[in-house]
Protein backbone atom coordinates (compact mmCIF):
# COMPACT_ATOMS: atom_id res chain seq x y z
CA GLU A 1 146.31 91.88 60.23
CA ASP A 2 144.41 95.04 61.07
CA ILE A 3 142.63 94.88 57.75
CA LYS A 4 141.59 91.29 58.46
CA ASN A 5 140.23 92.29 61.83
CA ILE A 6 138.33 95.19 60.32
CA MET A 7 136.90 92.97 57.58
CA ALA A 8 135.84 90.42 60.17
CA GLU A 9 134.10 93.10 62.20
CA VAL A 10 132.37 94.43 59.10
CA LYS A 11 131.29 90.92 58.13
CA SER A 12 129.96 90.30 61.62
CA ALA A 13 128.11 93.60 61.58
CA ILE A 14 126.55 92.75 58.23
CA GLN A 15 125.47 89.34 59.53
CA ASN A 16 123.94 91.00 62.58
CA LEU A 17 122.08 93.42 60.33
CA GLN A 18 120.82 90.56 58.20
CA THR A 19 119.69 88.69 61.30
CA SER A 20 117.96 91.81 62.61
CA ARG A 21 116.34 92.33 59.22
CA ASP A 22 115.11 88.75 59.15
CA ASN A 23 113.78 89.04 62.69
CA LEU A 24 112.08 92.32 61.79
CA GLY A 25 110.53 90.67 58.75
CA ILE A 26 109.20 87.86 60.93
CA ARG A 27 107.76 90.36 63.39
CA ILE A 28 106.16 92.36 60.58
CA THR A 29 104.62 89.17 59.19
CA GLU A 30 103.33 88.21 62.64
CA THR A 31 101.93 91.70 63.13
CA GLU A 32 100.22 91.62 59.74
CA ASN A 33 98.73 88.23 60.58
CA ARG A 34 97.46 89.54 63.91
CA ILE A 35 95.94 92.60 62.24
CA SER A 36 94.32 90.36 59.65
CA ARG A 37 92.86 88.14 62.38
CA ILE A 38 91.60 91.21 64.26
CA GLU A 39 89.99 92.55 61.09
CA ASP A 40 88.41 89.16 60.42
CA ASP A 41 87.15 89.02 64.00
CA ARG A 42 85.79 92.56 63.68
CA THR A 43 84.04 91.66 60.43
CA THR A 44 82.55 88.61 62.11
CA ASP A 45 81.51 90.71 65.12
CA ASN A 46 79.91 93.32 62.84
CA GLN A 47 78.02 90.60 61.02
CA ARG A 48 76.84 89.17 64.33
CA ILE A 49 75.77 92.63 65.49
CA GLN A 50 73.83 93.17 62.26
CA GLN A 51 72.17 89.78 62.67
CA LEU A 52 71.24 90.58 66.27
CA GLU A 53 69.87 93.98 65.23
CA GLN A 54 67.77 92.34 62.53
CA GLN A 55 66.50 89.74 65.00
CA LEU A 56 65.72 92.47 67.52
CA THR A 57 63.81 94.47 64.90
CA ILE A 58 61.82 91.39 63.89
CA ALA A 59 61.07 90.59 67.54
CA ALA A 60 60.01 94.18 68.27
CA ASP A 61 57.74 94.21 65.20
CA HIS A 62 56.24 90.89 66.28
CA ILE A 63 55.59 92.17 69.81
CA ASP A 64 54.04 95.37 68.44
CA ASP A 65 51.85 93.33 66.09
CA LEU A 66 50.67 91.15 68.98
CA GLU A 67 49.93 94.25 71.06
CA ASN A 68 47.86 95.82 68.30
CA ARG A 69 45.98 92.61 67.60
CA SER A 70 45.12 92.40 71.30
CA ARG A 71 43.65 95.90 70.94
CA CYS A 72 41.67 95.21 67.77
CA ASN A 73 38.32 95.65 69.57
CA ASN A 74 39.41 98.84 71.36
CA VAL A 75 38.29 102.37 70.56
CA ARG A 76 39.97 105.52 71.84
CA ILE A 77 37.46 108.34 72.42
CA MET A 78 38.75 111.87 72.95
CA GLY A 79 37.03 115.11 73.90
CA PHE A 80 34.77 114.29 76.83
CA PRO A 81 35.54 116.57 79.80
CA GLU A 82 37.01 115.00 82.91
CA GLY A 83 34.46 113.78 85.43
CA VAL A 84 31.38 113.71 83.19
CA GLU A 85 31.27 109.92 83.57
CA GLU A 86 30.72 110.28 87.34
CA GLY A 87 32.74 107.16 88.09
CA ASN A 88 30.95 104.91 85.58
CA PRO A 89 32.46 105.31 82.09
CA MET A 90 30.58 102.36 80.57
CA ALA A 91 27.16 103.62 81.60
CA PHE A 92 27.99 107.16 80.50
CA LEU A 93 29.26 106.17 77.05
CA GLN A 94 26.44 103.71 76.51
CA ARG A 95 24.02 106.55 77.22
CA VAL A 96 25.57 109.37 75.13
CA LEU A 97 27.34 107.71 72.18
CA PRO A 98 24.30 106.46 70.23
CA GLY A 99 22.80 109.95 70.09
CA SER A 100 26.12 111.64 69.36
CA LEU A 101 26.83 109.23 66.49
CA ASP A 102 23.27 109.20 65.10
CA LEU A 103 22.82 105.53 65.94
CA GLU A 104 19.45 104.06 66.77
CA ALA A 105 18.20 104.98 70.23
CA GLY A 106 19.20 102.47 72.88
CA ALA A 107 21.71 100.71 70.60
CA ASP A 108 23.70 98.16 72.60
CA LEU A 109 27.40 98.96 72.17
CA GLU A 110 28.44 95.66 73.78
CA MET A 111 31.24 97.07 75.93
CA GLU A 112 33.46 94.80 77.98
CA ARG A 113 35.07 97.66 79.90
CA ALA A 114 35.88 101.36 79.64
CA HIS A 115 38.28 103.63 81.50
CA ARG A 116 40.20 106.86 81.17
CA ALA A 117 43.70 106.60 79.69
CA LEU A 118 46.37 106.09 82.32
CA GLY A 119 48.12 109.22 83.50
CA PRO A 120 47.77 112.06 85.98
CA HIS A 121 44.55 114.01 86.20
CA PRO A 122 44.97 116.99 83.82
CA ALA A 123 45.19 120.47 85.27
CA GLN A 124 42.64 123.18 84.53
CA GLY A 125 42.76 124.08 80.84
CA GLN A 126 44.58 120.93 79.77
CA CYS A 127 43.09 118.38 77.39
CA PRO A 128 41.03 115.70 79.12
CA ARG A 129 42.25 112.12 79.08
CA ALA A 130 40.81 109.84 76.43
CA PHE A 131 38.40 107.02 77.15
CA ILE A 132 39.72 103.57 76.20
CA VAL A 133 36.80 101.28 75.41
CA LYS A 134 37.14 97.53 74.89
CA LEU A 135 34.20 96.16 72.91
CA LEU A 136 33.03 92.57 72.92
CA GLN A 137 32.65 92.38 69.15
CA TYR A 138 34.88 93.72 66.35
CA PRO A 139 31.84 94.66 64.19
CA THR A 140 30.80 97.09 66.94
CA HIS A 141 34.27 98.65 66.74
CA GLU A 142 33.82 99.18 62.99
CA ARG A 143 30.26 100.39 63.49
CA LEU A 144 31.34 103.16 65.89
CA LEU A 145 34.27 104.33 63.77
CA GLY A 146 32.17 104.18 60.61
CA ALA A 147 29.41 106.25 62.22
CA ALA A 148 31.98 108.85 63.32
CA ARG A 149 33.43 109.05 59.79
CA ARG A 150 30.01 109.46 58.22
CA LYS A 151 28.97 112.19 60.62
CA GLY A 152 32.21 114.10 60.15
CA GLN A 153 31.95 116.29 63.24
CA VAL A 154 30.79 114.57 66.43
CA MET A 155 29.64 116.94 69.19
CA TRP A 156 28.45 116.50 72.76
CA GLN A 157 27.39 119.56 74.75
CA GLU A 158 29.64 121.88 72.69
CA ASN A 159 32.59 119.48 73.02
CA GLN A 160 34.05 118.03 69.84
CA ILE A 161 34.43 114.26 70.18
CA SER A 162 36.87 112.13 68.17
CA LEU A 163 36.98 108.35 67.83
CA TYR A 164 40.07 106.41 66.78
CA PRO A 165 41.37 102.84 66.79
CA ASP A 166 43.39 102.21 69.94
CA LEU A 167 46.83 101.64 68.40
CA SER A 168 50.27 101.22 69.93
CA ARG A 169 52.58 104.24 69.91
CA ASP A 170 54.85 102.62 67.31
CA LEU A 171 51.99 101.98 64.91
CA GLN A 172 50.66 105.50 65.42
CA MET A 173 54.09 106.79 64.38
CA LYS A 174 54.04 104.57 61.28
CA ARG A 175 50.64 105.98 60.30
CA GLN A 176 51.57 109.62 60.74
CA TRP A 177 52.70 109.90 57.12
CA SER A 178 49.09 109.62 55.95
CA GLY A 179 47.78 112.65 57.87
CA ASP A 180 48.40 115.31 55.22
CA ILE A 181 47.41 112.90 52.46
CA ARG A 182 44.05 112.22 54.10
CA LYS A 183 43.36 115.95 54.30
CA LEU A 184 44.07 116.21 50.58
CA LEU A 185 41.77 113.27 49.88
CA GLN A 186 39.01 114.90 51.93
CA GLU A 187 39.41 118.11 49.91
CA LYS A 188 39.09 116.10 46.70
CA GLN A 189 36.17 114.16 48.22
CA LEU A 190 37.81 110.83 47.41
CA LYS A 191 36.86 107.61 49.17
CA TYR A 192 39.70 106.19 51.25
CA GLY A 193 40.42 104.01 54.26
CA MET A 194 43.35 103.22 56.54
CA PHE A 195 43.94 99.49 56.92
CA TYR A 196 46.13 97.48 59.26
CA PRO A 197 48.94 97.97 59.84
CA ALA A 198 49.63 101.21 57.91
CA ILE A 199 48.09 100.81 54.45
CA LEU A 200 46.08 103.64 52.91
CA LYS A 201 43.60 102.51 50.26
CA ILE A 202 42.05 104.99 47.81
CA THR A 203 39.08 104.18 45.61
CA VAL A 204 38.63 106.09 42.34
CA ASN A 205 35.99 105.15 39.76
CA GLY A 206 35.46 101.81 41.47
CA GLU A 207 39.17 100.91 41.42
CA THR A 208 41.01 100.63 44.74
CA THR A 209 44.76 101.24 45.03
CA ALA A 210 46.84 100.58 48.15
CA PHE A 211 49.74 102.77 49.35
CA THR A 212 52.30 102.46 52.12
CA SER A 213 54.27 105.69 51.66
CA PRO A 214 53.41 109.38 51.13
CA GLU A 215 55.56 109.62 47.99
CA GLU A 216 53.65 107.09 45.92
CA ASP A 217 50.33 108.26 47.37
CA ARG A 218 50.93 111.93 46.58
CA LYS A 219 52.16 111.02 43.09
CA PHE A 220 48.95 109.08 42.50
CA ILE A 221 46.85 112.09 43.50
CA THR A 222 48.85 114.83 41.76
CA THR A 223 49.31 112.99 38.45
CA GLY A 224 45.58 113.10 37.89
CA ARG A 225 44.70 109.47 38.61
CA GLY A 226 43.12 110.63 41.84
CA SER A 227 41.31 113.61 40.36
């Protein structure tokens, strides 16, 4: 009788273990399914984040492009000391730029407006703020920049003057790669030009090649094609 009781207890214990094992298996399966769903959700979330990042990049590039196109007639002029315009930047620049750039006397620069770049008045010894000039016609913009390039060094009363396109900060950063390359091109006396948005074109023996990165540009120059 005792043996029967013991066997019954053992059998019951085994059944309980089997039930516990089955329940544990069910829980493990449920847990695995939950983990799988979480991983799927995370993958979907990551894909959505990537899509949003791409859309944000495209939107930011579009906004930057619109900003730069709105500035296409603008010229940034650096080097004139603070206060020389005596409160009338347009009249001052109209008077001094033609002579400084070797343009014909009295040339009409067709300015719409001109002002100093926004920011606090520089302290003694600091660089003066640039003039931002909006021109009525794009050809006048190209005329001024072309005259500055041809002259090389533009001076006004012992002050070196520089003229640049008025670009957004993002586009200026994109164009920074070409700085050292342009110095090398100047040393080699090669004809080149920077085109919108950040394309450097080099002309050798009447053939023009376009570049968008310093690696391909430098390779072009150092392999002898630009010599």
